[in-house]
Amino acid sequence: MLLQGFASIKLAGMAGVFLADLTWAEAAERFAAGAVVLVPIGAAAKEHGLHLPLDTDWRVVSALAKRVALRLPIVVAPVVGFGYYPAFVAYPGSQHLRAETFTALVRDLLGNLVDQGARKIAILNNGVSTEAPLAEAARTFEETRRASILVLNTRVLGRGADRMLEQTSGGHADERETSVMLALAPEAVRMERARAAHRPAGTPLPFSPDPTSPGYNPTGAIGDPTLATAAKGEAILAEMVREVADALGARWPELAR
């Protein structure tokens, strides 16, 4: 068996690593030693209003994974940058896979890891429409393969810090998401283009920049990004990282030893 002989290391006290930085032998050693593999998922190209770059989701989930790896001896897999994002596909640049394609992609990637010896896999999902396909993929994968899968959705993480927010409603490229980006990559945020854009009641999905569409949304945002600050973003990030680390430690207590 390929992985025999690669169980010599102990993970306790070790720093987390990025899978892409390892050699194949080092990856095998980590997997055989029982490392938790974190698979981040965040769109590499999806509209985020007039003021945030298309790769906002990718940047945020990458930063979260890196910060968690500074706390726990996990292996961070490459970010899955393409997924099921039907709500905003009408906006130029947004990339989207069908749900069945995305589910198959995730199953193949998880299958690679399990075939190579990984048995503990956490998915860090920075999306909303991706939640249902991921839940299905994780459930069926655990039923058919010898692996433990944990799905963490960023949508519900860090909400304790939302008390700092001032917007009356939000949901996409809003005060919360813009604050996080101001903390992570202020140079990528075009605050001079930020506009409050509250979703009218009953506006159907998908949204569209086409004025003739029932889902017309001229900015693509939902909320008030003009209220965003880097300080709010840092507080939200810190809370999210803590919650991810706590969830991983609760599922696999050996991480915290």
Protein backbone atom coordinates (compact mmCIF):
# COMPACT_ATOMS: atom_id res chain seq x y z
CA MET A 1 0.00 0.00 0.00
CA LEU A 2 1.31 3.43 -0.99
CA LEU A 3 1.00 4.99 2.46
CA GLN A 4 2.70 2.26 4.46
CA GLY A 5 5.76 3.63 6.22
CA PHE A 6 4.51 7.21 6.35
CA ALA A 7 3.10 7.31 9.89
CA SER A 8 6.23 8.42 11.71
CA ILE A 9 5.28 12.01 12.51
CA LYS A 10 3.12 13.29 15.32
CA LEU A 11 0.83 16.24 14.66
CA ALA A 12 0.55 17.58 18.20
CA GLY A 13 2.19 20.98 18.46
CA MET A 14 2.79 21.25 14.71
CA ALA A 15 1.64 24.18 12.65
CA GLY A 16 -0.89 23.78 9.91
CA VAL A 17 0.34 23.58 6.33
CA PHE A 18 -0.93 24.13 2.80
CA LEU A 19 -1.20 20.95 0.78
CA ALA A 20 0.20 22.68 -2.28
CA ASP A 21 3.44 23.47 -0.41
CA LEU A 22 4.13 19.82 0.46
CA THR A 23 5.83 17.13 -1.53
CA TRP A 24 3.78 14.00 -2.22
CA ALA A 25 5.75 12.12 0.47
CA GLU A 26 5.08 14.87 3.03
CA ALA A 27 1.39 14.83 2.14
CA ALA A 28 1.32 11.05 2.57
CA GLU A 29 2.97 11.39 5.95
CA ARG A 30 0.42 13.92 7.15
CA PHE A 31 -2.51 11.86 5.92
CA ALA A 32 -1.18 8.67 7.52
CA ALA A 33 -0.69 10.51 10.81
CA GLY A 34 -4.37 11.42 10.88
CA ALA A 35 -4.26 15.06 9.83
CA VAL A 36 -7.52 16.90 9.33
CA VAL A 37 -7.73 18.19 5.77
CA LEU A 38 -9.58 21.49 5.36
CA VAL A 39 -11.12 22.01 1.91
CA PRO A 40 -12.03 25.71 1.41
CA ILE A 41 -14.74 26.53 -1.14
CA GLY A 42 -15.22 30.08 -2.41
CA ALA A 43 -15.99 31.55 -5.80
CA ALA A 44 -12.96 32.75 -7.74
CA ALA A 45 -15.23 34.85 -9.96
CA LYS A 46 -18.68 35.94 -8.77
CA GLU A 47 -20.15 39.43 -8.75
CA HIS A 48 -19.94 41.36 -5.51
CA GLY A 49 -21.49 44.70 -6.26
CA LEU A 50 -19.82 47.64 -7.92
CA HIS A 51 -17.15 47.96 -5.25
CA LEU A 52 -15.77 44.46 -4.49
CA PRO A 53 -13.72 42.22 -6.81
CA LEU A 54 -15.12 39.07 -8.36
CA ASP A 55 -12.78 36.93 -6.25
CA THR A 56 -14.11 38.22 -2.91
CA ASP A 57 -15.36 34.80 -1.75
CA TRP A 58 -12.04 33.19 -2.72
CA ARG A 59 -10.03 35.81 -0.83
CA VAL A 60 -12.14 35.54 2.31
CA VAL A 61 -12.15 31.75 2.56
CA SER A 62 -8.42 31.64 1.79
CA ALA A 63 -7.72 34.04 4.64
CA LEU A 64 -9.94 32.12 7.04
CA ALA A 65 -8.20 28.86 6.19
CA LYS A 66 -4.78 30.43 6.68
CA ARG A 67 -5.70 31.87 10.06
CA VAL A 68 -7.13 28.56 11.24
CA ALA A 69 -3.93 26.82 10.09
CA LEU A 70 -1.95 29.15 12.36
CA ARG A 71 -3.91 27.74 15.30
CA LEU A 72 -4.32 24.06 14.45
CA PRO A 73 -2.14 21.41 12.73
CA ILE A 74 -4.44 21.00 9.76
CA VAL A 75 -3.65 20.49 6.09
CA VAL A 76 -5.32 23.15 3.93
CA ALA A 77 -6.25 21.89 0.47
CA PRO A 78 -6.38 24.26 -2.53
CA VAL A 79 -9.46 26.46 -2.65
CA VAL A 80 -12.26 25.12 -4.84
CA GLY A 81 -12.94 28.27 -6.83
CA PHE A 82 -15.91 27.16 -8.92
CA GLY A 83 -19.31 26.10 -7.71
CA TYR A 84 -23.08 26.33 -7.89
CA TYR A 85 -23.86 30.06 -7.95
CA PRO A 86 -27.06 30.63 -9.97
CA ALA A 87 -28.26 33.83 -8.26
CA PHE A 88 -25.78 36.22 -9.87
CA VAL A 89 -24.73 34.51 -13.09
CA ALA A 90 -26.31 37.25 -15.23
CA TYR A 91 -23.57 39.66 -14.14
CA PRO A 92 -20.55 39.56 -16.49
CA GLY A 93 -17.60 37.64 -15.07
CA SER A 94 -19.59 35.45 -12.71
CA GLN A 95 -18.76 31.77 -13.15
CA HIS A 96 -21.29 29.05 -12.35
CA LEU A 97 -21.54 25.25 -12.43
CA ARG A 98 -24.73 23.22 -12.48
CA ALA A 99 -25.55 21.67 -9.10
CA GLU A 100 -24.86 18.15 -10.35
CA THR A 101 -21.52 19.24 -11.83
CA PHE A 102 -20.49 20.92 -8.60
CA THR A 103 -21.55 17.90 -6.52
CA ALA A 104 -19.56 15.58 -8.79
CA LEU A 105 -16.53 17.86 -8.54
CA VAL A 106 -16.63 17.83 -4.74
CA ARG A 107 -17.09 14.05 -4.61
CA ASP A 108 -14.11 13.54 -6.93
CA LEU A 109 -11.88 15.84 -4.87
CA LEU A 110 -12.89 14.19 -1.60
CA GLY A 111 -12.41 10.80 -3.21
CA ASN A 112 -8.85 11.71 -4.17
CA LEU A 113 -8.04 12.63 -0.59
CA VAL A 114 -9.58 9.48 0.88
CA ASP A 115 -7.89 7.24 -1.69
CA GLN A 116 -4.58 8.81 -0.64
CA GLY A 117 -5.15 8.15 3.06
CA ALA A 118 -7.03 11.16 4.44
CA ARG A 119 -9.87 10.15 6.77
CA LYS A 120 -10.83 13.44 8.41
CA ILE A 121 -12.06 16.15 6.06
CA ALA A 122 -13.64 19.49 6.85
CA ILE A 123 -15.25 21.63 4.16
CA LEU A 124 -15.21 25.39 4.75
CA ASN A 125 -17.94 26.70 2.47
CA ASN A 126 -18.06 30.41 1.70
CA GLY A 127 -21.32 30.36 -0.21
CA VAL A 128 -25.07 30.03 0.25
CA SER A 129 -26.39 28.27 -2.84
CA THR A 130 -23.59 25.72 -2.39
CA GLU A 131 -24.89 24.62 1.01
CA ALA A 132 -27.50 22.10 -0.19
CA PRO A 133 -25.27 20.39 -2.80
CA LEU A 134 -22.45 20.14 -0.25
CA ALA A 135 -24.71 18.64 2.40
CA GLU A 136 -25.83 16.01 -0.10
CA ALA A 137 -22.28 15.27 -1.24
CA ALA A 138 -21.01 14.95 2.33
CA ARG A 139 -23.88 12.72 3.40
CA THR A 140 -23.58 10.29 0.50
CA PHE A 141 -19.80 10.32 0.73
CA GLU A 142 -19.80 9.33 4.40
CA GLU A 143 -22.25 6.55 3.63
CA THR A 144 -20.06 5.02 0.93
CA ARG A 145 -16.48 5.78 2.03
CA ARG A 146 -14.55 5.36 5.27
CA ALA A 147 -14.17 9.03 6.10
CA SER A 148 -15.49 11.62 8.53
CA ILE A 149 -16.79 14.76 6.83
CA LEU A 150 -17.64 18.06 8.53
CA VAL A 151 -19.24 20.93 6.60
CA LEU A 152 -18.87 24.45 8.01
CA ASN A 153 -20.82 27.27 6.33
CA THR A 154 -19.42 30.76 6.74
CA ARG A 155 -22.93 32.22 6.45
CA VAL A 156 -23.60 31.28 10.08
CA LEU A 157 -20.13 31.98 11.45
CA GLY A 158 -19.03 35.08 13.34
CA ARG A 159 -22.55 36.34 13.90
CA GLY A 160 -21.71 37.41 17.43
CA ALA A 161 -19.79 40.32 15.93
CA ASP A 162 -22.81 41.47 13.93
CA ARG A 163 -23.81 43.68 16.84
CA MET A 164 -21.32 46.17 15.39
CA LEU A 165 -23.20 46.44 12.12
CA GLU A 166 -25.44 49.41 11.38
CA GLN A 167 -27.29 48.37 8.21
CA THR A 168 -30.96 47.50 8.53
CA SER A 169 -30.70 44.58 6.14
CA GLY A 170 -28.06 42.87 4.04
CA GLY A 171 -26.91 39.65 2.52
CA HIS A 172 -24.45 40.20 -0.32
CA ALA A 173 -21.57 42.64 -0.81
CA ASP A 174 -23.05 44.46 2.16
CA GLU A 175 -21.64 46.17 5.25
CA ARG A 176 -20.50 42.84 6.72
CA GLU A 177 -18.77 41.44 3.65
CA THR A 178 -17.25 44.77 2.69
CA SER A 179 -15.89 45.24 6.23
CA VAL A 180 -14.18 41.84 6.01
CA MET A 181 -12.61 42.79 2.69
CA LEU A 182 -11.45 46.14 4.08
CA ALA A 183 -9.65 44.19 6.80
CA LEU A 184 -8.11 41.70 4.38
CA ALA A 185 -7.45 43.60 1.16
CA PRO A 186 -8.33 47.30 1.38
CA GLU A 187 -6.50 47.96 -1.88
CA ALA A 188 -9.05 45.78 -3.71
CA VAL A 189 -12.11 47.63 -2.39
CA ARG A 190 -13.52 50.52 -4.45
CA MET A 191 -15.33 52.29 -1.62
CA GLU A 192 -16.01 55.31 -3.82
CA ARG A 193 -18.30 53.03 -5.87
CA ALA A 194 -20.14 51.50 -2.90
CA ARG A 195 -23.87 52.17 -2.85
CA ALA A 196 -26.64 51.15 -0.48
CA ALA A 197 -28.84 48.63 -2.27
CA HIS A 198 -31.67 47.18 -0.25
CA ARG A 199 -33.56 44.31 -1.84
CA PRO A 200 -37.20 45.20 -2.54
CA ALA A 201 -39.62 42.75 -0.97
CA GLY A 202 -40.56 39.99 -3.36
CA THR A 203 -37.69 40.58 -5.80
CA PRO A 204 -37.13 37.17 -7.36
CA LEU A 205 -33.85 35.35 -7.89
CA PRO A 206 -31.75 35.28 -9.91
CA PHE A 207 -30.82 38.95 -9.76
CA SER A 208 -29.93 40.69 -13.00
CA PRO A 209 -28.36 43.96 -14.16
CA ASP A 210 -31.00 44.04 -16.94
CA PRO A 211 -33.64 46.73 -16.19
CA THR A 212 -36.26 44.64 -18.00
CA SER A 213 -35.71 41.62 -15.74
CA PRO A 214 -38.05 40.88 -12.78
CA GLY A 215 -34.94 40.43 -10.65
CA TYR A 216 -33.41 43.77 -11.64
CA ASN A 217 -30.65 44.85 -9.26
CA PRO A 218 -28.41 47.58 -10.70
CA THR A 219 -25.52 47.03 -8.28
CA GLY A 220 -25.74 43.30 -7.53
CA ALA A 221 -25.39 44.09 -3.82
CA ILE A 222 -27.91 43.65 -1.01
CA GLY A 223 -27.34 45.93 1.98
CA ASP A 224 -25.34 49.05 2.76
CA PRO A 225 -21.60 48.66 2.12
CA THR A 226 -21.02 52.38 2.71
CA LEU A 227 -21.12 51.66 6.46
CA ALA A 228 -18.23 49.19 6.31
CA THR A 229 -14.97 49.61 8.25
CA ALA A 230 -11.84 47.52 8.60
CA ALA A 231 -12.29 47.39 12.39
CA LYS A 232 -15.67 45.71 11.97
CA GLY A 233 -14.13 43.29 9.50
CA GLU A 234 -11.31 42.28 11.86
CA ALA A 235 -13.81 41.60 14.64
CA ILE A 236 -15.93 39.44 12.34
CA LEU A 237 -12.89 37.54 11.06
CA ALA A 238 -11.61 36.86 14.57
CA GLU A 239 -14.98 35.46 15.61
CA MET A 240 -15.22 33.30 12.49
CA VAL A 241 -11.73 31.86 12.97
CA ARG A 242 -12.45 31.06 16.61
CA GLU A 243 -15.69 29.30 15.71
CA VAL A 244 -14.06 27.25 12.95
CA ALA A 245 -11.22 26.21 15.25
CA ASP A 246 -13.69 25.32 18.01
CA ALA A 247 -15.83 23.26 15.61
CA LEU A 248 -12.81 21.36 14.34
CA GLY A 249 -11.61 20.72 17.87
CA ALA A 250 -15.04 19.51 18.94
CA ARG A 251 -15.24 17.06 16.03
CA TRP A 252 -11.63 15.89 16.33
CA PRO A 253 -10.46 16.54 19.92
CA GLU A 254 -6.91 15.41 19.15
CA LEU A 255 -6.41 18.70 17.26
CA ALA A 256 -6.51 20.69 20.48
CA ARG A 257 -4.14 18.48 22.47
